[in-house]
Amino acid sequence: MNTIIDFTNKFKNNVVISLNDIKKEFPRFYRHRLTEWQNRGYINKIIRGFYILSDLEINEFTSFVIANKIYDPSYISLESALRYYNFIPEQTYTITSISTRKTNKFKTKSGVFVYNNITPNLFFGYKIVNFKNFVFKIADREKAILDYLYFHRHFATEKDIEEIRFNIEEIQSTIDRKKLENYLLKYNNKSFTKIINNFLNYIYHD
């Protein structure tokens, strides 16, 4: 197998194509073809070992899949998840994720992907979303809020939190407050607990 037609037919339903995927499907594949096909505009390299077909539509969902795939384990969170849930008004062009691997950032032709490191005991609270023929992992609503405030602790008071311009009505109507509070117990951090209590006071006017 050394034709782009065979390659495209095999991976047309993949968002991301890894070098391991290629080796698995085509054990005798000539790797120099990847450079050749990039030069001809058939495929695009994301980072080392990961490619996409050049006609792939890059949108929010495919970007999330790419983010998950190129740096594993990880899940979408922080600004990207908050925007996905309509919790903040700003459009987010950088795809933000949480990972147990080191903090990292990749600037690619397909977008900018940022990963924030978290300890393994706090790597939880995400779900798998099915979209068309692919899936991606994203923080659930409650964990997205916790992740964001955990990495932005300068928003400590209610006045600070007001500056974020949270969509209060959307948060009130969609999050499970008890679930958020149960998640918070896993952090076992008094200063962070105080920040989240200020957030809850701001949202619910306690």
C-alpha atoms as a PDB file:
ATOM      1  CA  MET A   1       0.000   0.000   0.000  1.00  0.00           C
ATOM      2  CA  ASN A   2       1.627   3.202  -1.169  1.00  0.00           C
ATOM      3  CA  THR A   3      -1.206   5.096  -2.821  1.00  0.00           C
ATOM      4  CA  ILE A   4      -3.032   8.050  -1.346  1.00  0.00           C
ATOM      5  CA  ILE A   5      -6.307   6.517  -2.530  1.00  0.00           C
ATOM      6  CA  ASP A   6      -5.817   3.428  -0.374  1.00  0.00           C
ATOM      7  CA  PHE A   7      -4.689   5.605   2.521  1.00  0.00           C
ATOM      8  CA  THR A   8      -7.680   7.936   2.230  1.00  0.00           C
ATOM      9  CA  ASN A   9     -10.179   5.094   1.919  1.00  0.00           C
ATOM     10  CA  LYS A  10      -8.819   3.458   5.039  1.00  0.00           C
ATOM     11  CA  PHE A  11      -8.736   6.601   7.190  1.00  0.00           C
ATOM     12  CA  LYS A  12     -11.557   8.717   5.739  1.00  0.00           C
ATOM     13  CA  ASN A  13     -13.593   8.298   8.932  1.00  0.00           C
ATOM     14  CA  ASN A  14     -10.685   9.187  11.227  1.00  0.00           C
ATOM     15  CA  VAL A  15     -10.285  12.687  12.530  1.00  0.00           C
ATOM     16  CA  VAL A  16      -6.688  12.062  13.557  1.00  0.00           C
ATOM     17  CA  ILE A  17      -4.394   9.473  12.015  1.00  0.00           C
ATOM     18  CA  SER A  18      -1.492   8.390  14.182  1.00  0.00           C
ATOM     19  CA  LEU A  19       1.669   6.734  13.018  1.00  0.00           C
ATOM     20  CA  ASN A  20       0.641   3.734  15.110  1.00  0.00           C
ATOM     21  CA  ASP A  21      -2.691   3.596  13.239  1.00  0.00           C
ATOM     22  CA  ILE A  22      -0.824   3.544   9.938  1.00  0.00           C
ATOM     23  CA  LYS A  23       1.605   0.831  11.045  1.00  0.00           C
ATOM     24  CA  LYS A  24      -1.284  -1.295  12.302  1.00  0.00           C
ATOM     25  CA  GLU A  25      -3.219  -1.089   9.038  1.00  0.00           C
ATOM     26  CA  PHE A  26      -0.240  -1.106   6.677  1.00  0.00           C
ATOM     27  CA  PRO A  27       2.790  -2.850   8.249  1.00  0.00           C
ATOM     28  CA  ARG A  28       4.933  -2.312   5.127  1.00  0.00           C
ATOM     29  CA  PHE A  29       4.079   1.365   4.744  1.00  0.00           C
ATOM     30  CA  TYR A  30       6.878   3.618   3.467  1.00  0.00           C
ATOM     31  CA  ARG A  31       7.080   6.534   5.904  1.00  0.00           C
ATOM     32  CA  HIS A  32       8.612   8.881   3.334  1.00  0.00           C
ATOM     33  CA  ARG A  33       5.168   8.901   1.689  1.00  0.00           C
ATOM     34  CA  LEU A  34       3.918  11.051   4.552  1.00  0.00           C
ATOM     35  CA  THR A  35       6.328  13.840   3.671  1.00  0.00           C
ATOM     36  CA  GLU A  36       5.507  13.462  -0.008  1.00  0.00           C
ATOM     37  CA  TRP A  37       1.762  13.647   0.642  1.00  0.00           C
ATOM     38  CA  GLN A  38       2.177  16.673   2.895  1.00  0.00           C
ATOM     39  CA  ASN A  39       4.066  18.455   0.115  1.00  0.00           C
ATOM     40  CA  ARG A  40       1.291  17.587  -2.326  1.00  0.00           C
ATOM     41  CA  GLY A  41      -1.386  18.847   0.062  1.00  0.00           C
ATOM     42  CA  TYR A  42      -3.091  15.503   0.659  1.00  0.00           C
ATOM     43  CA  ILE A  43      -2.462  15.393   4.403  1.00  0.00           C
ATOM     44  CA  ASN A  44      -1.428  17.821   7.130  1.00  0.00           C
ATOM     45  CA  LYS A  45       0.870  17.109  10.024  1.00  0.00           C
ATOM     46  CA  ILE A  46      -0.405  18.210  13.438  1.00  0.00           C
ATOM     47  CA  ILE A  47       2.545  17.247  15.614  1.00  0.00           C
ATOM     48  CA  ARG A  48       5.096  14.486  15.302  1.00  0.00           C
ATOM     49  CA  GLY A  49       3.350  11.169  14.723  1.00  0.00           C
ATOM     50  CA  PHE A  50      -0.140  12.605  14.105  1.00  0.00           C
ATOM     51  CA  TYR A  51      -1.790  13.621  10.834  1.00  0.00           C
ATOM     52  CA  ILE A  52      -5.143  14.632   9.382  1.00  0.00           C
ATOM     53  CA  LEU A  53      -6.512  14.466   5.874  1.00  0.00           C
ATOM     54  CA  SER A  54      -6.272  17.925   4.321  1.00  0.00           C
ATOM     55  CA  ASP A  55      -9.997  18.102   3.550  1.00  0.00           C
ATOM     56  CA  LEU A  56     -10.994  17.588   7.193  1.00  0.00           C
ATOM     57  CA  GLU A  57     -13.272  20.370   8.416  1.00  0.00           C
ATOM     58  CA  ILE A  58     -11.692  21.942  11.480  1.00  0.00           C
ATOM     59  CA  ASN A  59     -14.462  22.952  13.865  1.00  0.00           C
ATOM     60  CA  GLU A  60     -15.087  22.847  17.599  1.00  0.00           C
ATOM     61  CA  PHE A  61     -15.807  19.120  17.631  1.00  0.00           C
ATOM     62  CA  THR A  62     -12.967  17.950  15.408  1.00  0.00           C
ATOM     63  CA  SER A  63     -10.600  20.221  17.353  1.00  0.00           C
ATOM     64  CA  PHE A  64     -11.675  18.512  20.571  1.00  0.00           C
ATOM     65  CA  VAL A  65     -10.963  15.097  19.064  1.00  0.00           C
ATOM     66  CA  ILE A  66      -7.546  16.263  17.896  1.00  0.00           C
ATOM     67  CA  ALA A  67      -6.749  17.654  21.354  1.00  0.00           C
ATOM     68  CA  ASN A  68      -7.627  14.345  23.027  1.00  0.00           C
ATOM     69  CA  LYS A  69      -5.676  12.282  20.539  1.00  0.00           C
ATOM     70  CA  ILE A  70      -2.356  14.107  20.289  1.00  0.00           C
ATOM     71  CA  TYR A  71      -1.783  14.329  24.060  1.00  0.00           C
ATOM     72  CA  ASP A  72      -3.187  11.379  25.960  1.00  0.00           C
ATOM     73  CA  PRO A  73      -4.477  11.122  28.631  1.00  0.00           C
ATOM     74  CA  SER A  74      -6.311  14.420  28.500  1.00  0.00           C
ATOM     75  CA  TYR A  75      -9.803  15.869  28.443  1.00  0.00           C
ATOM     76  CA  ILE A  76     -11.205  19.196  27.260  1.00  0.00           C
ATOM     77  CA  SER A  77     -11.758  21.665  30.095  1.00  0.00           C
ATOM     78  CA  LEU A  78     -11.153  25.238  31.274  1.00  0.00           C
ATOM     79  CA  GLU A  79     -12.184  27.951  28.774  1.00  0.00           C
ATOM     80  CA  SER A  80     -13.017  25.503  25.984  1.00  0.00           C
ATOM     81  CA  ALA A  81     -15.417  23.532  28.170  1.00  0.00           C
ATOM     82  CA  LEU A  82     -16.948  26.648  29.716  1.00  0.00           C
ATOM     83  CA  ARG A  83     -17.681  28.004  26.250  1.00  0.00           C
ATOM     84  CA  TYR A  84     -19.016  24.630  25.097  1.00  0.00           C
ATOM     85  CA  TYR A  85     -21.555  24.754  27.946  1.00  0.00           C
ATOM     86  CA  ASN A  86     -22.350  28.436  27.301  1.00  0.00           C
ATOM     87  CA  PHE A  87     -21.020  29.385  30.740  1.00  0.00           C
ATOM     88  CA  ILE A  88     -18.885  32.234  29.371  1.00  0.00           C
ATOM     89  CA  PRO A  89     -19.614  34.562  26.431  1.00  0.00           C
ATOM     90  CA  GLU A  90     -16.164  34.712  24.854  1.00  0.00           C
ATOM     91  CA  GLN A  91     -15.229  32.676  21.807  1.00  0.00           C
ATOM     92  CA  THR A  92     -12.195  30.527  22.540  1.00  0.00           C
ATOM     93  CA  TYR A  93      -9.731  29.901  19.734  1.00  0.00           C
ATOM     94  CA  THR A  94      -7.221  27.994  21.834  1.00  0.00           C
ATOM     95  CA  ILE A  95      -8.298  24.470  22.769  1.00  0.00           C
ATOM     96  CA  THR A  96      -7.683  24.021  26.495  1.00  0.00           C
ATOM     97  CA  SER A  97      -7.311  20.657  28.190  1.00  0.00           C
ATOM     98  CA  ILE A  98      -6.354  18.969  31.440  1.00  0.00           C
ATOM     99  CA  SER A  99      -3.736  16.214  31.488  1.00  0.00           C
ATOM    100  CA  THR A 100      -1.691  14.200  33.963  1.00  0.00           C
ATOM    101  CA  ARG A 101       1.282  14.761  31.673  1.00  0.00           C
ATOM    102  CA  LYS A 102       3.439  17.875  31.889  1.00  0.00           C
ATOM    103  CA  THR A 103       2.001  21.273  30.964  1.00  0.00           C
ATOM    104  CA  ASN A 104       2.412  21.762  27.229  1.00  0.00           C
ATOM    105  CA  LYS A 105       1.365  23.874  24.256  1.00  0.00           C
ATOM    106  CA  PHE A 106       1.277  23.038  20.560  1.00  0.00           C
ATOM    107  CA  LYS A 107       0.880  25.703  17.887  1.00  0.00           C
ATOM    108  CA  THR A 108      -0.234  23.893  14.741  1.00  0.00           C
ATOM    109  CA  LYS A 109      -1.870  24.659  11.414  1.00  0.00           C
ATOM    110  CA  SER A 110      -5.006  23.067  12.828  1.00  0.00           C
ATOM    111  CA  GLY A 111      -5.115  25.271  15.924  1.00  0.00           C
ATOM    112  CA  VAL A 112      -3.435  25.963  19.244  1.00  0.00           C
ATOM    113  CA  PHE A 113      -3.692  23.234  21.876  1.00  0.00           C
ATOM    114  CA  VAL A 114      -2.842  23.946  25.520  1.00  0.00           C
ATOM    115  CA  TYR A 115      -2.592  21.322  28.277  1.00  0.00           C
ATOM    116  CA  ASN A 116      -2.546  22.065  31.997  1.00  0.00           C
ATOM    117  CA  ASN A 117      -1.018  19.469  34.295  1.00  0.00           C
ATOM    118  CA  ILE A 118      -3.036  18.131  37.199  1.00  0.00           C
ATOM    119  CA  THR A 119      -2.256  15.429  39.737  1.00  0.00           C
ATOM    120  CA  PRO A 120      -3.724  11.984  38.994  1.00  0.00           C
ATOM    121  CA  ASN A 121      -6.122  12.139  41.958  1.00  0.00           C
ATOM    122  CA  LEU A 122      -7.782  15.211  40.399  1.00  0.00           C
ATOM    123  CA  PHE A 123      -8.006  13.721  36.917  1.00  0.00           C
ATOM    124  CA  PHE A 124     -11.700  12.892  37.054  1.00  0.00           C
ATOM    125  CA  GLY A 125     -15.101  14.381  36.309  1.00  0.00           C
ATOM    126  CA  TYR A 126     -15.092  14.081  32.530  1.00  0.00           C
ATOM    127  CA  LYS A 127     -17.451  12.349  30.143  1.00  0.00           C
ATOM    128  CA  ILE A 128     -17.331  10.907  26.661  1.00  0.00           C
ATOM    129  CA  VAL A 129     -19.357  12.773  24.032  1.00  0.00           C
ATOM    130  CA  ASN A 130     -20.381  11.061  20.800  1.00  0.00           C
ATOM    131  CA  PHE A 131     -20.474  13.251  17.706  1.00  0.00           C
ATOM    132  CA  LYS A 132     -21.136  11.674  14.321  1.00  0.00           C
ATOM    133  CA  ASN A 133     -18.504   8.961  13.845  1.00  0.00           C
ATOM    134  CA  PHE A 134     -16.137  10.029  16.611  1.00  0.00           C
ATOM    135  CA  VAL A 135     -15.936  10.756  20.323  1.00  0.00           C
ATOM    136  CA  PHE A 136     -14.098  13.132  22.617  1.00  0.00           C
ATOM    137  CA  LYS A 137     -13.598  13.483  26.362  1.00  0.00           C
ATOM    138  CA  ILE A 138     -14.700  16.715  28.030  1.00  0.00           C
ATOM    139  CA  ALA A 139     -15.102  17.839  31.621  1.00  0.00           C
ATOM    140  CA  ASP A 140     -18.653  17.730  32.831  1.00  0.00           C
ATOM    141  CA  ARG A 141     -20.166  21.070  33.792  1.00  0.00           C
ATOM    142  CA  GLU A 142     -19.227  20.935  37.441  1.00  0.00           C
ATOM    143  CA  LYS A 143     -15.640  19.839  36.856  1.00  0.00           C
ATOM    144  CA  ALA A 144     -15.119  22.469  34.145  1.00  0.00           C
ATOM    145  CA  ILE A 145     -15.898  25.163  36.696  1.00  0.00           C
ATOM    146  CA  LEU A 146     -13.636  23.602  39.312  1.00  0.00           C
ATOM    147  CA  ASP A 147     -10.797  23.174  36.836  1.00  0.00           C
ATOM    148  CA  TYR A 148     -11.055  26.768  35.683  1.00  0.00           C
ATOM    149  CA  LEU A 149     -11.032  28.279  39.159  1.00  0.00           C
ATOM    150  CA  TYR A 150      -8.315  25.859  40.293  1.00  0.00           C
ATOM    151  CA  PHE A 151      -5.973  27.203  37.606  1.00  0.00           C
ATOM    152  CA  HIS A 152      -7.158  30.825  37.984  1.00  0.00           C
ATOM    153  CA  ARG A 153      -7.041  31.274  41.739  1.00  0.00           C
ATOM    154  CA  HIS A 154      -6.547  35.016  41.410  1.00  0.00           C
ATOM    155  CA  PHE A 155     -10.333  35.077  40.930  1.00  0.00           C
ATOM    156  CA  ALA A 156     -10.681  34.545  44.658  1.00  0.00           C
ATOM    157  CA  THR A 157     -13.445  36.879  45.832  1.00  0.00           C
ATOM    158  CA  GLU A 158     -16.992  37.363  44.603  1.00  0.00           C
ATOM    159  CA  LYS A 159     -15.923  40.666  43.066  1.00  0.00           C
ATOM    160  CA  ASP A 160     -13.099  38.899  41.235  1.00  0.00           C
ATOM    161  CA  ILE A 161     -15.423  36.155  40.027  1.00  0.00           C
ATOM    162  CA  GLU A 162     -17.840  38.756  38.677  1.00  0.00           C
ATOM    163  CA  GLU A 163     -15.107  39.843  36.237  1.00  0.00           C
ATOM    164  CA  ILE A 164     -15.281  36.445  34.499  1.00  0.00           C
ATOM    165  CA  ARG A 165     -18.798  37.296  33.297  1.00  0.00           C
ATOM    166  CA  PHE A 166     -20.244  33.868  33.969  1.00  0.00           C
ATOM    167  CA  ASN A 167     -23.658  33.155  32.466  1.00  0.00           C
ATOM    168  CA  ILE A 168     -25.388  32.921  35.832  1.00  0.00           C
ATOM    169  CA  GLU A 169     -28.765  31.760  34.536  1.00  0.00           C
ATOM    170  CA  GLU A 170     -27.206  28.975  32.478  1.00  0.00           C
ATOM    171  CA  ILE A 171     -25.119  27.772  35.395  1.00  0.00           C
ATOM    172  CA  GLN A 172     -28.038  27.895  37.821  1.00  0.00           C
ATOM    173  CA  SER A 173     -30.254  25.879  35.492  1.00  0.00           C
ATOM    174  CA  THR A 174     -27.773  23.213  34.405  1.00  0.00           C
ATOM    175  CA  ILE A 175     -25.221  22.381  37.083  1.00  0.00           C
ATOM    176  CA  ASP A 176     -25.743  19.965  39.940  1.00  0.00           C
ATOM    177  CA  ARG A 177     -24.639  21.930  42.992  1.00  0.00           C
ATOM    178  CA  LYS A 178     -24.429  18.851  45.194  1.00  0.00           C
ATOM    179  CA  LYS A 179     -22.262  17.115  42.608  1.00  0.00           C
ATOM    180  CA  LEU A 180     -19.940  20.116  42.468  1.00  0.00           C
ATOM    181  CA  GLU A 181     -19.642  20.155  46.254  1.00  0.00           C
ATOM    182  CA  ASN A 182     -18.865  16.433  46.316  1.00  0.00           C
ATOM    183  CA  TYR A 183     -16.187  16.942  43.687  1.00  0.00           C
ATOM    184  CA  LEU A 184     -14.733  19.752  45.781  1.00  0.00           C
ATOM    185  CA  LEU A 185     -14.156  17.388  48.702  1.00  0.00           C
ATOM    186  CA  LYS A 186     -11.602  15.491  46.608  1.00  0.00           C
ATOM    187  CA  TYR A 187      -9.367  18.566  46.487  1.00  0.00           C
ATOM    188  CA  ASN A 188      -9.005  18.696  50.266  1.00  0.00           C
ATOM    189  CA  ASN A 189      -7.734  22.265  50.037  1.00  0.00           C
ATOM    190  CA  LYS A 190      -9.060  24.951  52.388  1.00  0.00           C
ATOM    191  CA  SER A 191      -8.049  27.964  50.307  1.00  0.00           C
ATOM    192  CA  PHE A 192      -9.546  26.479  47.142  1.00  0.00           C
ATOM    193  CA  THR A 193     -12.707  25.525  49.025  1.00  0.00           C
ATOM    194  CA  LYS A 194     -13.055  29.161  50.065  1.00  0.00           C
ATOM    195  CA  ILE A 195     -12.805  30.253  46.422  1.00  0.00           C
ATOM    196  CA  ILE A 196     -15.512  27.805  45.367  1.00  0.00           C
ATOM    197  CA  ASN A 197     -17.755  28.888  48.219  1.00  0.00           C
ATOM    198  CA  ASN A 198     -17.364  32.471  47.016  1.00  0.00           C
ATOM    199  CA  PHE A 199     -18.280  31.283  43.521  1.00  0.00           C
ATOM    200  CA  LEU A 200     -21.407  29.544  44.831  1.00  0.00           C
ATOM    201  CA  ASN A 201     -22.375  32.609  46.845  1.00  0.00           C
ATOM    202  CA  TYR A 202     -22.016  34.717  43.714  1.00  0.00           C
ATOM    203  CA  ILE A 203     -24.079  32.328  41.566  1.00  0.00           C
ATOM    204  CA  TYR A 204     -26.805  31.514  44.059  1.00  0.00           C
ATOM    205  CA  HIS A 205     -26.741  34.708  46.171  1.00  0.00           C
ATOM    206  CA  ASP A 206     -26.421  32.673  49.365  1.00  0.00           C
END
